[in-house]
Amino acid sequence: AGDIGFQAKAQERMESMIKGETTVVMVSHSLERI
């Protein structure tokens, strides 16, 4: 979703949520992100 800048911001937000003990199930074709 969104441009490259927003994608980076979205990933940063996700990483902060994971550190806060949010459980995540993530489907992605990006093996780098996985």
All heavy atoms as atom14 arrays in JSON, in Angstrom:
{
  "sequence": "AGDIGFQAKAQERMESMIKGETTVVMVSHSLERI",
  "atom14_mask": [
    [1, 1, 1, 1, 1, 0, 0, 0, 0, 0, 0, 0, 0, 0],
    [1, 1, 1, 1, 0, 0, 0, 0, 0, 0, 0, 0, 0, 0],
    [1, 1, 1, 1, 1, 1, 1, 1, 0, 0, 0, 0, 0, 0],
    [1, 1, 1, 1, 1, 1, 1, 1, 0, 0, 0, 0, 0, 0],
    [1, 1, 1, 1, 0, 0, 0, 0, 0, 0, 0, 0, 0, 0],
    [1, 1, 1, 1, 1, 1, 1, 1, 1, 1, 1, 0, 0, 0],
    [1, 1, 1, 1, 1, 1, 1, 1, 1, 0, 0, 0, 0, 0],
    [1, 1, 1, 1, 1, 0, 0, 0, 0, 0, 0, 0, 0, 0],
    [1, 1, 1, 1, 1, 1, 1, 1, 1, 0, 0, 0, 0, 0],
    [1, 1, 1, 1, 1, 0, 0, 0, 0, 0, 0, 0, 0, 0],
    [1, 1, 1, 1, 1, 1, 1, 1, 1, 0, 0, 0, 0, 0],
    [1, 1, 1, 1, 1, 1, 1, 1, 1, 0, 0, 0, 0, 0],
    [1, 1, 1, 1, 1, 1, 1, 1, 1, 1, 1, 0, 0, 0],
    [1, 1, 1, 1, 1, 1, 1, 1, 0, 0, 0, 0, 0, 0],
    [1, 1, 1, 1, 1, 1, 1, 1, 1, 0, 0, 0, 0, 0],
    [1, 1, 1, 1, 1, 1, 0, 0, 0, 0, 0, 0, 0, 0],
    [1, 1, 1, 1, 1, 1, 1, 1, 0, 0, 0, 0, 0, 0],
    [1, 1, 1, 1, 1, 1, 1, 1, 0, 0, 0, 0, 0, 0],
    [1, 1, 1, 1, 1, 1, 1, 1, 1, 0, 0, 0, 0, 0],
    [1, 1, 1, 1, 0, 0, 0, 0, 0, 0, 0, 0, 0, 0],
    [1, 1, 1, 1, 1, 1, 1, 1, 1, 0, 0, 0, 0, 0],
    [1, 1, 1, 1, 1, 1, 1, 0, 0, 0, 0, 0, 0, 0],
    [1, 1, 1, 1, 1, 1, 1, 0, 0, 0, 0, 0, 0, 0],
    [1, 1, 1, 1, 1, 1, 1, 0, 0, 0, 0, 0, 0, 0],
    [1, 1, 1, 1, 1, 1, 1, 0, 0, 0, 0, 0, 0, 0],
    [1, 1, 1, 1, 1, 1, 1, 1, 0, 0, 0, 0, 0, 0],
    [1, 1, 1, 1, 1, 1, 1, 0, 0, 0, 0, 0, 0, 0],
    [1, 1, 1, 1, 1, 1, 0, 0, 0, 0, 0, 0, 0, 0],
    [1, 1, 1, 1, 1, 1, 1, 1, 1, 1, 0, 0, 0, 0],
    [1, 1, 1, 1, 1, 1, 0, 0, 0, 0, 0, 0, 0, 0],
    [1, 1, 1, 1, 1, 1, 1, 1, 0, 0, 0, 0, 0, 0],
    [1, 1, 1, 1, 1, 1, 1, 1, 1, 0, 0, 0, 0, 0],
    [1, 1, 1, 1, 1, 1, 1, 1, 1, 1, 1, 0, 0, 0],
    [1, 1, 1, 1, 1, 1, 1, 1, 0, 0, 0, 0, 0, 0]
  ],
  "atom14_positions": [
    [[0.83, -1.2, 0.0], [0.0, 0.0, 0.0], [0.86, 1.25, 0.0], [1.84, 1.35, 0.73], [-0.91, 0.0, 1.22], [0.0, 0.0, 0.0], [0.0, 0.0, 0.0], [0.0, 0.0, 0.0], [0.0, 0.0, 0.0], [0.0, 0.0, 0.0], [0.0, 0.0, 0.0], [0.0, 0.0, 0.0], [0.0, 0.0, 0.0], [0.0, 0.0, 0.0]],
    [[0.48, 2.21, -0.84], [1.15, 3.49, -0.82], [2.51, 3.47, -1.51], [2.92, 2.48, -2.12], [0.0, 0.0, 0.0], [0.0, 0.0, 0.0], [0.0, 0.0, 0.0], [0.0, 0.0, 0.0], [0.0, 0.0, 0.0], [0.0, 0.0, 0.0], [0.0, 0.0, 0.0], [0.0, 0.0, 0.0], [0.0, 0.0, 0.0], [0.0, 0.0, 0.0]],
    [[3.22, 4.59, -1.4], [4.52, 4.72, -2.03], [5.61, 4.11, -1.16], [5.36, 3.56, -0.09], [4.82, 6.19, -2.33], [4.69, 7.06, -1.07], [4.88, 6.53, 0.05], [4.4, 8.26, -1.22], [0.0, 0.0, 0.0], [0.0, 0.0, 0.0], [0.0, 0.0, 0.0], [0.0, 0.0, 0.0], [0.0, 0.0, 0.0], [0.0, 0.0, 0.0]],
    [[6.86, 4.2, -1.64], [7.98, 3.57, -0.93], [8.13, 4.14, 0.47], [8.4, 3.43, 1.44], [9.28, 3.75, -1.73], [9.19, 2.97, -3.05], [10.48, 3.28, -0.92], [10.38, 3.17, -3.97], [0.0, 0.0, 0.0], [0.0, 0.0, 0.0], [0.0, 0.0, 0.0], [0.0, 0.0, 0.0], [0.0, 0.0, 0.0], [0.0, 0.0, 0.0]],
    [[7.93, 5.47, 0.61], [8.05, 6.1, 1.91], [7.04, 5.57, 2.9], [7.38, 5.29, 4.06], [0.0, 0.0, 0.0], [0.0, 0.0, 0.0], [0.0, 0.0, 0.0], [0.0, 0.0, 0.0], [0.0, 0.0, 0.0], [0.0, 0.0, 0.0], [0.0, 0.0, 0.0], [0.0, 0.0, 0.0], [0.0, 0.0, 0.0], [0.0, 0.0, 0.0]],
    [[5.79, 5.39, 2.44], [4.76, 4.87, 3.34], [5.02, 3.41, 3.68], [4.79, 2.97, 4.8], [3.37, 5.01, 2.73], [2.26, 4.57, 3.64], [1.8, 5.39, 4.65], [1.7, 3.3, 3.52], [0.8, 4.99, 5.52], [0.7, 2.88, 4.38], [0.25, 3.73, 5.38], [0.0, 0.0, 0.0], [0.0, 0.0, 0.0], [0.0, 0.0, 0.0]],
    [[5.5, 2.64, 2.71], [5.81, 1.23, 2.98], [6.87, 1.09, 4.07], [6.77, 0.23, 4.94], [6.27, 0.56, 1.68], [5.17, 0.39, 0.65], [5.69, -0.19, -0.65], [6.65, -0.94, -0.67], [5.05, 0.15, -1.76], [0.0, 0.0, 0.0], [0.0, 0.0, 0.0], [0.0, 0.0, 0.0], [0.0, 0.0, 0.0], [0.0, 0.0, 0.0]],
    [[7.87, 1.97, 4.03], [8.91, 1.93, 5.06], [8.33, 2.31, 6.41], [8.66, 1.69, 7.44], [10.04, 2.88, 4.68], [0.0, 0.0, 0.0], [0.0, 0.0, 0.0], [0.0, 0.0, 0.0], [0.0, 0.0, 0.0], [0.0, 0.0, 0.0], [0.0, 0.0, 0.0], [0.0, 0.0, 0.0], [0.0, 0.0, 0.0], [0.0, 0.0, 0.0]],
    [[7.44, 3.29, 6.42], [6.81, 3.71, 7.67], [5.9, 2.61, 8.21], [5.84, 2.38, 9.43], [6.0, 4.99, 7.43], [5.41, 5.6, 8.68], [4.93, 7.03, 8.45], [3.79, 7.12, 7.49], [3.21, 8.49, 7.47], [0.0, 0.0, 0.0], [0.0, 0.0, 0.0], [0.0, 0.0, 0.0], [0.0, 0.0, 0.0], [0.0, 0.0, 0.0]],
    [[5.2, 1.92, 7.3], [4.32, 0.83, 7.72], [5.12, -0.31, 8.33], [4.73, -0.89, 9.35], [3.52, 0.32, 6.52], [0.0, 0.0, 0.0], [0.0, 0.0, 0.0], [0.0, 0.0, 0.0], [0.0, 0.0, 0.0], [0.0, 0.0, 0.0], [0.0, 0.0, 0.0], [0.0, 0.0, 0.0], [0.0, 0.0, 0.0], [0.0, 0.0, 0.0]],
    [[6.27, -0.64, 7.73], [7.09, -1.71, 8.29], [7.65, -1.32, 9.66], [7.7, -2.15, 10.58], [8.24, -2.06, 7.34], [9.12, -3.19, 7.88], [9.97, -3.83, 6.81], [9.68, -3.76, 5.63], [11.04, -4.49, 7.23], [0.0, 0.0, 0.0], [0.0, 0.0, 0.0], [0.0, 0.0, 0.0], [0.0, 0.0, 0.0], [0.0, 0.0, 0.0]],
    [[8.07, -0.06, 9.79], [8.58, 0.41, 11.08], [7.5, 0.31, 12.16], [7.78, -0.1, 13.29], [9.06, 1.85, 10.94], [9.67, 2.42, 12.21], [10.15, 3.85, 12.04], [10.16, 4.34, 10.88], [10.51, 4.48, 13.04], [0.0, 0.0, 0.0], [0.0, 0.0, 0.0], [0.0, 0.0, 0.0], [0.0, 0.0, 0.0], [0.0, 0.0, 0.0]],
    [[6.28, 0.67, 11.79], [5.17, 0.58, 12.74], [4.91, -0.87, 13.13], [4.69, -1.2, 14.3], [3.91, 1.18, 12.12], [2.65, 1.05, 12.96], [2.67, 1.99, 14.14], [1.47, 1.81, 14.95], [1.09, 2.65, 15.91], [1.82, 3.74, 16.15], [0.02, 2.42, 16.62], [0.0, 0.0, 0.0], [0.0, 0.0, 0.0], [0.0, 0.0, 0.0]],
    [[4.96, -1.77, 12.13], [4.75, -3.19, 12.41], [5.81, -3.73, 13.35], [5.52, -4.49, 14.28], [4.76, -3.98, 11.1], [3.51, -3.84, 10.27], [2.04, -4.3, 11.2], [2.55, -5.86, 11.85], [0.0, 0.0, 0.0], [0.0, 0.0, 0.0], [0.0, 0.0, 0.0], [0.0, 0.0, 0.0], [0.0, 0.0, 0.0], [0.0, 0.0, 0.0]],
    [[7.04, -3.33, 13.13], [8.13, -3.81, 13.99], [7.95, -3.35, 15.43], [8.22, -4.08, 16.37], [9.47, -3.34, 13.42], [9.84, -4.04, 12.13], [11.07, -3.44, 11.46], [11.51, -2.36, 11.93], [11.56, -4.02, 10.48], [0.0, 0.0, 0.0], [0.0, 0.0, 0.0], [0.0, 0.0, 0.0], [0.0, 0.0, 0.0], [0.0, 0.0, 0.0]],
    [[7.45, -2.12, 15.61], [7.21, -1.62, 16.97], [6.06, -2.35, 17.63], [6.08, -2.6, 18.84], [6.93, -0.11, 16.94], [5.69, 0.17, 16.32], [0.0, 0.0, 0.0], [0.0, 0.0, 0.0], [0.0, 0.0, 0.0], [0.0, 0.0, 0.0], [0.0, 0.0, 0.0], [0.0, 0.0, 0.0], [0.0, 0.0, 0.0], [0.0, 0.0, 0.0]],
    [[5.05, -2.73, 16.85], [3.92, -3.49, 17.4], [4.36, -4.89, 17.8], [3.92, -5.42, 18.83], [2.78, -3.56, 16.38], [2.12, -2.23, 16.1], [0.82, -2.35, 14.84], [-0.41, -3.29, 15.73], [0.0, 0.0, 0.0], [0.0, 0.0, 0.0], [0.0, 0.0, 0.0], [0.0, 0.0, 0.0], [0.0, 0.0, 0.0], [0.0, 0.0, 0.0]],
    [[5.23, -5.49, 17.01], [5.71, -6.83, 17.32], [6.5, -6.82, 18.62], [6.36, -7.72, 19.46], [6.57, -7.37, 16.16], [5.68, -7.61, 14.93], [7.28, -8.66, 16.55], [6.47, -7.81, 13.65], [0.0, 0.0, 0.0], [0.0, 0.0, 0.0], [0.0, 0.0, 0.0], [0.0, 0.0, 0.0], [0.0, 0.0, 0.0], [0.0, 0.0, 0.0]],
    [[7.32, -5.79, 18.81], [8.07, -5.67, 20.05], [7.15, -5.48, 21.25], [7.5, -5.8, 22.38], [9.05, -4.49, 19.95], [10.18, -4.72, 18.97], [11.05, -3.49, 18.83], [12.15, -3.71, 17.79], [12.96, -2.48, 17.59], [0.0, 0.0, 0.0], [0.0, 0.0, 0.0], [0.0, 0.0, 0.0], [0.0, 0.0, 0.0], [0.0, 0.0, 0.0]],
    [[5.95, -4.96, 20.99], [4.98, -4.79, 22.06], [4.11, -6.01, 22.28], [3.05, -5.91, 22.89], [0.0, 0.0, 0.0], [0.0, 0.0, 0.0], [0.0, 0.0, 0.0], [0.0, 0.0, 0.0], [0.0, 0.0, 0.0], [0.0, 0.0, 0.0], [0.0, 0.0, 0.0], [0.0, 0.0, 0.0], [0.0, 0.0, 0.0], [0.0, 0.0, 0.0]],
    [[4.52, -7.15, 21.77], [3.88, -8.45, 21.98], [2.58, -8.65, 21.21], [1.75, -9.47, 21.57], [3.65, -8.71, 23.48], [4.94, -8.85, 24.27], [4.71, -9.43, 25.65], [3.56, -9.47, 26.1], [5.7, -9.85, 26.27], [0.0, 0.0, 0.0], [0.0, 0.0, 0.0], [0.0, 0.0, 0.0], [0.0, 0.0, 0.0], [0.0, 0.0, 0.0]],
    [[2.41, -7.91, 20.12], [1.31, -8.22, 19.21], [1.68, -9.48, 18.43], [2.79, -9.61, 17.91], [1.07, -7.07, 18.21], [0.72, -5.89, 18.95], [-0.05, -7.4, 17.25], [0.0, 0.0, 0.0], [0.0, 0.0, 0.0], [0.0, 0.0, 0.0], [0.0, 0.0, 0.0], [0.0, 0.0, 0.0], [0.0, 0.0, 0.0], [0.0, 0.0, 0.0]],
    [[0.75, -10.43, 18.36], [0.96, -11.66, 17.6], [0.54, -11.4, 16.15], [-0.53, -10.83, 15.91], [0.13, -12.81, 18.19], [0.46, -12.95, 19.58], [0.41, -14.12, 17.48], [0.0, 0.0, 0.0], [0.0, 0.0, 0.0], [0.0, 0.0, 0.0], [0.0, 0.0, 0.0], [0.0, 0.0, 0.0], [0.0, 0.0, 0.0], [0.0, 0.0, 0.0]],
    [[1.38, -11.82, 15.21], [1.14, -11.49, 13.8], [1.19, -12.74, 12.94], [2.07, -13.58, 13.1], [2.18, -10.47, 13.29], [1.92, -10.13, 11.82], [2.16, -9.21, 14.13], [0.0, 0.0, 0.0], [0.0, 0.0, 0.0], [0.0, 0.0, 0.0], [0.0, 0.0, 0.0], [0.0, 0.0, 0.0], [0.0, 0.0, 0.0], [0.0, 0.0, 0.0]],
    [[0.21, -12.84, 12.03], [0.28, -13.83, 10.95], [0.32, -13.01, 9.66], [-0.6, -12.26, 9.37], [-0.92, -14.79, 10.94], [-0.79, -15.79, 9.79], [-1.03, -15.52, 12.27], [0.0, 0.0, 0.0], [0.0, 0.0, 0.0], [0.0, 0.0, 0.0], [0.0, 0.0, 0.0], [0.0, 0.0, 0.0], [0.0, 0.0, 0.0], [0.0, 0.0, 0.0]],
    [[1.39, -13.16, 8.91], [1.66, -12.27, 7.77], [1.86, -13.06, 6.49], [2.76, -13.9, 6.4], [2.92, -11.44, 8.08], [3.36, -10.53, 6.97], [4.8, -9.52, 7.45], [6.06, -10.79, 7.62], [0.0, 0.0, 0.0], [0.0, 0.0, 0.0], [0.0, 0.0, 0.0], [0.0, 0.0, 0.0], [0.0, 0.0, 0.0], [0.0, 0.0, 0.0]],
    [[1.02, -12.8, 5.5], [1.18, -13.38, 4.17], [1.91, -12.37, 3.3], [1.54, -11.19, 3.26], [-0.2, -13.7, 3.54], [-0.05, -14.01, 2.05], [-0.86, -14.86, 4.26], [0.0, 0.0, 0.0], [0.0, 0.0, 0.0], [0.0, 0.0, 0.0], [0.0, 0.0, 0.0], [0.0, 0.0, 0.0], [0.0, 0.0, 0.0], [0.0, 0.0, 0.0]],
    [[2.96, -12.82, 2.63], [3.69, -11.91, 1.74], [4.48, -12.71, 0.71], [4.96, -13.81, 0.98], [4.65, -11.04, 2.55], [5.38, -10.17, 1.71], [0.0, 0.0, 0.0], [0.0, 0.0, 0.0], [0.0, 0.0, 0.0], [0.0, 0.0, 0.0], [0.0, 0.0, 0.0], [0.0, 0.0, 0.0], [0.0, 0.0, 0.0], [0.0, 0.0, 0.0]],
    [[4.59, -12.11, -0.48], [5.45, -12.69, -1.52], [6.87, -12.14, -1.4], [7.77, -12.59, -2.13], [4.9, -12.37, -2.91], [3.71, -13.19, -3.28], [3.76, -14.55, -3.51], [2.4, -12.85, -3.42], [2.56, -15.01, -3.8], [1.72, -14.0, -3.75], [0.0, 0.0, 0.0], [0.0, 0.0, 0.0], [0.0, 0.0, 0.0], [0.0, 0.0, 0.0]],
    [[7.08, -11.18, -0.5], [8.41, -10.62, -0.3], [9.17, -11.5, 0.68], [8.99, -11.42, 1.9], [8.31, -9.19, 0.26], [9.58, -8.72, 0.65], [0.0, 0.0, 0.0], [0.0, 0.0, 0.0], [0.0, 0.0, 0.0], [0.0, 0.0, 0.0], [0.0, 0.0, 0.0], [0.0, 0.0, 0.0], [0.0, 0.0, 0.0], [0.0, 0.0, 0.0]],
    [[10.03, -12.36, 0.16], [10.8, -13.25, 1.01], [11.78, -12.48, 1.89], [12.09, -12.9, 3.0], [11.55, -14.28, 0.16], [10.66, -15.21, -0.68], [11.52, -16.2, -1.45], [9.65, -15.94, 0.19], [0.0, 0.0, 0.0], [0.0, 0.0, 0.0], [0.0, 0.0, 0.0], [0.0, 0.0, 0.0], [0.0, 0.0, 0.0], [0.0, 0.0, 0.0]],
    [[12.23, -11.34, 1.41], [13.11, -10.49, 2.21], [12.39, -10.01, 3.47], [12.94, -10.04, 4.57], [13.59, -9.3, 1.38], [14.52, -8.36, 2.12], [14.96, -7.18, 1.26], [14.64, -7.17, 0.05], [15.59, -6.26, 1.81], [0.0, 0.0, 0.0], [0.0, 0.0, 0.0], [0.0, 0.0, 0.0], [0.0, 0.0, 0.0], [0.0, 0.0, 0.0]],
    [[11.15, -9.57, 3.3], [10.38, -9.09, 4.45], [10.02, -10.24, 5.38], [10.06, -10.11, 6.6], [9.13, -8.36, 3.96], [8.33, -7.69, 5.07], [7.35, -6.7, 4.51], [8.01, -5.5, 4.04], [7.93, -5.04, 2.8], [7.24, -5.7, 1.9], [8.54, -3.92, 2.46], [0.0, 0.0, 0.0], [0.0, 0.0, 0.0], [0.0, 0.0, 0.0]],
    [[9.64, -11.37, 4.8], [9.33, -12.56, 5.6], [10.54, -12.97, 6.43], [10.43, -13.26, 7.63], [8.9, -13.73, 4.69], [7.49, -13.48, 4.1], [8.92, -15.05, 5.45], [6.36, -13.64, 5.07], [0.0, 0.0, 0.0], [0.0, 0.0, 0.0], [0.0, 0.0, 0.0], [0.0, 0.0, 0.0], [0.0, 0.0, 0.0], [0.0, 0.0, 0.0]]
  ]
}
